[in-house]
C-alpha atoms as a PDB file:
ATOM      1  CA  MET A   1      20.646-135.601-290.238  1.00  0.00           C
ATOM      2  CA  ASN A   2      19.709-136.147-293.880  1.00  0.00           C
ATOM      3  CA  VAL A   3      19.935-139.291-295.954  1.00  0.00           C
ATOM      4  CA  THR A   4      21.325-139.015-299.460  1.00  0.00           C
ATOM      5  CA  GLN A   5      20.248-140.979-302.515  1.00  0.00           C
ATOM      6  CA  ASP A   6      23.650-142.707-302.433  1.00  0.00           C
ATOM      7  CA  GLN A   7      22.970-143.966-298.891  1.00  0.00           C
ATOM      8  CA  ILE A   8      19.525-145.221-299.967  1.00  0.00           C
ATOM      9  CA  GLU A   9      21.149-147.110-302.852  1.00  0.00           C
ATOM     10  CA  LYS A  10      23.599-148.770-300.444  1.00  0.00           C
ATOM     11  CA  LEU A  11      20.683-149.801-298.222  1.00  0.00           C
ATOM     12  CA  SER A  12      18.731-151.128-301.171  1.00  0.00           C
ATOM     13  CA  LYS A  13      21.503-153.591-302.024  1.00  0.00           C
ATOM     14  CA  ASN A  14      20.786-155.411-298.747  1.00  0.00           C
ATOM     15  CA  LEU A  15      17.109-154.576-298.511  1.00  0.00           C
ATOM     16  CA  SER A  16      15.760-155.607-301.886  1.00  0.00           C
ATOM     17  CA  LYS A  17      12.202-154.549-301.054  1.00  0.00           C
ATOM     18  CA  ILE A  18      13.203-150.877-301.133  1.00  0.00           C
ATOM     19  CA  SER A  19      12.954-149.355-304.586  1.00  0.00           C
ATOM     20  CA  VAL A  20      15.972-147.158-305.351  1.00  0.00           C
ATOM     21  CA  ASP A  21      14.022-145.132-307.915  1.00  0.00           C
ATOM     22  CA  ASN A  22      11.428-144.001-305.404  1.00  0.00           C
ATOM     23  CA  GLU A  23      12.266-140.449-304.259  1.00  0.00           C
ATOM     24  CA  LYS A  24       9.614-140.683-301.507  1.00  0.00           C
ATOM     25  CA  ILE A  25      11.816-143.093-299.526  1.00  0.00           C
ATOM     26  CA  ALA A  26      14.486-140.455-298.970  1.00  0.00           C
ATOM     27  CA  GLU A  27      11.796-138.019-297.818  1.00  0.00           C
ATOM     28  CA  TRP A  28      10.310-140.567-295.402  1.00  0.00           C
ATOM     29  CA  VAL A  29      13.679-141.558-293.966  1.00  0.00           C
ATOM     30  CA  ASN A  30      14.627-137.888-293.549  1.00  0.00           C
ATOM     31  CA  TRP A  31      11.322-137.223-291.795  1.00  0.00           C
ATOM     32  CA  ILE A  32      11.916-140.162-289.429  1.00  0.00           C
ATOM     33  CA  LEU A  33      15.453-139.006-288.666  1.00  0.00           C
ATOM     34  CA  GLU A  34      14.261-135.435-288.032  1.00  0.00           C
ATOM     35  CA  TYR A  35      11.615-136.787-285.657  1.00  0.00           C
ATOM     36  CA  ILE A  36      14.233-138.856-283.807  1.00  0.00           C
ATOM     37  CA  GLY A  37      16.451-135.787-283.619  1.00  0.00           C
ATOM     38  CA  MET A  38      13.560-133.816-282.143  1.00  0.00           C
ATOM     39  CA  LEU A  39      12.970-136.572-279.555  1.00  0.00           C
ATOM     40  CA  ASN A  40      16.673-136.554-278.651  1.00  0.00           C
ATOM     41  CA  LYS A  41      16.396-132.862-277.746  1.00  0.00           C
ATOM     42  CA  VAL A  42      13.679-133.537-275.130  1.00  0.00           C
ATOM     43  CA  ASP A  43      14.974-133.279-271.554  1.00  0.00           C
ATOM     44  CA  THR A  44      14.105-136.593-269.894  1.00  0.00           C
ATOM     45  CA  LYS A  45      16.443-136.236-266.922  1.00  0.00           C
ATOM     46  CA  TRP A  46      13.575-136.155-264.407  1.00  0.00           C
ATOM     47  CA  VAL A  47      11.384-138.747-266.147  1.00  0.00           C
ATOM     48  CA  GLU A  48      11.228-142.034-264.283  1.00  0.00           C
ATOM     49  CA  TRP A  49      12.480-145.012-266.293  1.00  0.00           C
ATOM     50  CA  THR A  50       9.794-147.565-267.096  1.00  0.00           C
ATOM     51  CA  VAL A  51       9.291-150.731-269.083  1.00  0.00           C
ATOM     52  CA  SER A  52       5.559-150.342-269.441  1.00  0.00           C
ATOM     53  CA  VAL A  53       3.095-147.514-269.000  1.00  0.00           C
ATOM     54  CA  ILE A  54       0.682-149.892-267.275  1.00  0.00           C
ATOM     55  CA  GLU A  55       1.171-150.165-263.530  1.00  0.00           C
ATOM     56  CA  SER A  56       1.640-153.725-262.416  1.00  0.00           C
ATOM     57  CA  GLU A  57       2.355-155.542-259.211  1.00  0.00           C
ATOM     58  CA  ASN A  58       4.983-158.215-258.780  1.00  0.00           C
ATOM     59  CA  ILE A  59       3.009-161.386-258.036  1.00  0.00           C
ATOM     60  CA  LEU A  60       6.047-163.630-257.787  1.00  0.00           C
ATOM     61  CA  ARG A  61       7.239-164.893-254.441  1.00  0.00           C
ATOM     62  CA  GLU A  62      10.352-163.444-252.882  1.00  0.00           C
ATOM     63  CA  ASP A  63      13.618-165.269-253.375  1.00  0.00           C
ATOM     64  CA  VAL A  64      14.690-167.118-250.275  1.00  0.00           C
ATOM     65  CA  LYS A  65      18.289-168.210-250.004  1.00  0.00           C
ATOM     66  CA  LYS A  66      18.522-171.789-248.845  1.00  0.00           C
ATOM     67  CA  ASP A  67      21.447-173.453-247.154  1.00  0.00           C
ATOM     68  CA  LYS A  68      23.230-175.440-249.868  1.00  0.00           C
ATOM     69  CA  THR A  69      24.782-177.873-247.378  1.00  0.00           C
ATOM     70  CA  ILE A  70      21.348-179.120-246.385  1.00  0.00           C
ATOM     71  CA  TRP A  71      20.469-179.720-250.019  1.00  0.00           C
ATOM     72  CA  ARG A  72      23.765-181.455-250.711  1.00  0.00           C
ATOM     73  CA  LYS A  73      23.349-183.803-247.747  1.00  0.00           C
ATOM     74  CA  GLU A  74      19.739-184.557-248.653  1.00  0.00           C
ATOM     75  CA  LEU A  75      20.718-185.364-252.225  1.00  0.00           C
ATOM     76  CA  LEU A  76      23.660-187.502-251.188  1.00  0.00           C
ATOM     77  CA  ASN A  77      21.412-189.456-248.813  1.00  0.00           C
ATOM     78  CA  CYS A  78      19.224-190.381-251.798  1.00  0.00           C
ATOM     79  CA  SER A  79      22.069-192.262-253.441  1.00  0.00           C
ATOM     80  CA  ASN A  80      22.589-195.994-253.054  1.00  0.00           C
ATOM     81  CA  GLN A  81      26.280-195.534-253.875  1.00  0.00           C
ATOM     82  CA  LYS A  82      29.072-195.195-251.333  1.00  0.00           C
ATOM     83  CA  ILE A  83      29.740-191.585-250.283  1.00  0.00           C
ATOM     84  CA  ILE A  84      33.250-190.335-249.505  1.00  0.00           C
ATOM     85  CA  ALA A  85      34.049-186.675-248.726  1.00  0.00           C
ATOM     86  CA  ASP A  86      30.553-185.503-249.752  1.00  0.00           C
ATOM     87  CA  GLN A  87      30.927-187.151-253.156  1.00  0.00           C
ATOM     88  CA  ILE A  88      29.289-190.209-254.646  1.00  0.00           C
ATOM     89  CA  THR A  89      31.853-192.863-255.468  1.00  0.00           C
ATOM     90  CA  ILE A  90      31.513-195.091-258.476  1.00  0.00           C
ATOM     91  CA  THR A  91      33.252-198.249-259.480  1.00  0.00           C
ATOM     92  CA  SER A  92      36.080-197.887-261.905  1.00  0.00           C
ATOM     93  CA  ILE A  93      34.948-197.884-265.497  1.00  0.00           C
ATOM     94  CA  MET A  94      38.518-198.335-266.761  1.00  0.00           C
ATOM     95  CA  LYS A  95      39.462-202.012-266.485  1.00  0.00           C
END
């Protein structure tokens, strides 16, 4: 995949830091795209997916599913309001 001078000019309209007159930019971009193309040809089917090359251990605690009904009842018991059908009742605000 090669980049043309016309494509560089279109990029330079949005990326004002790129000088359109500089022929080296097209060479650099072509080199980068050739390198990416070469990397795309590498067979990575048997390579294990990783986020980091440094081995690490999960130091977080395991998730423990808690019974939501216990939590709901505990929270409702904290209220000073009247409770009907597992819901806190409030006085009418529309008078």
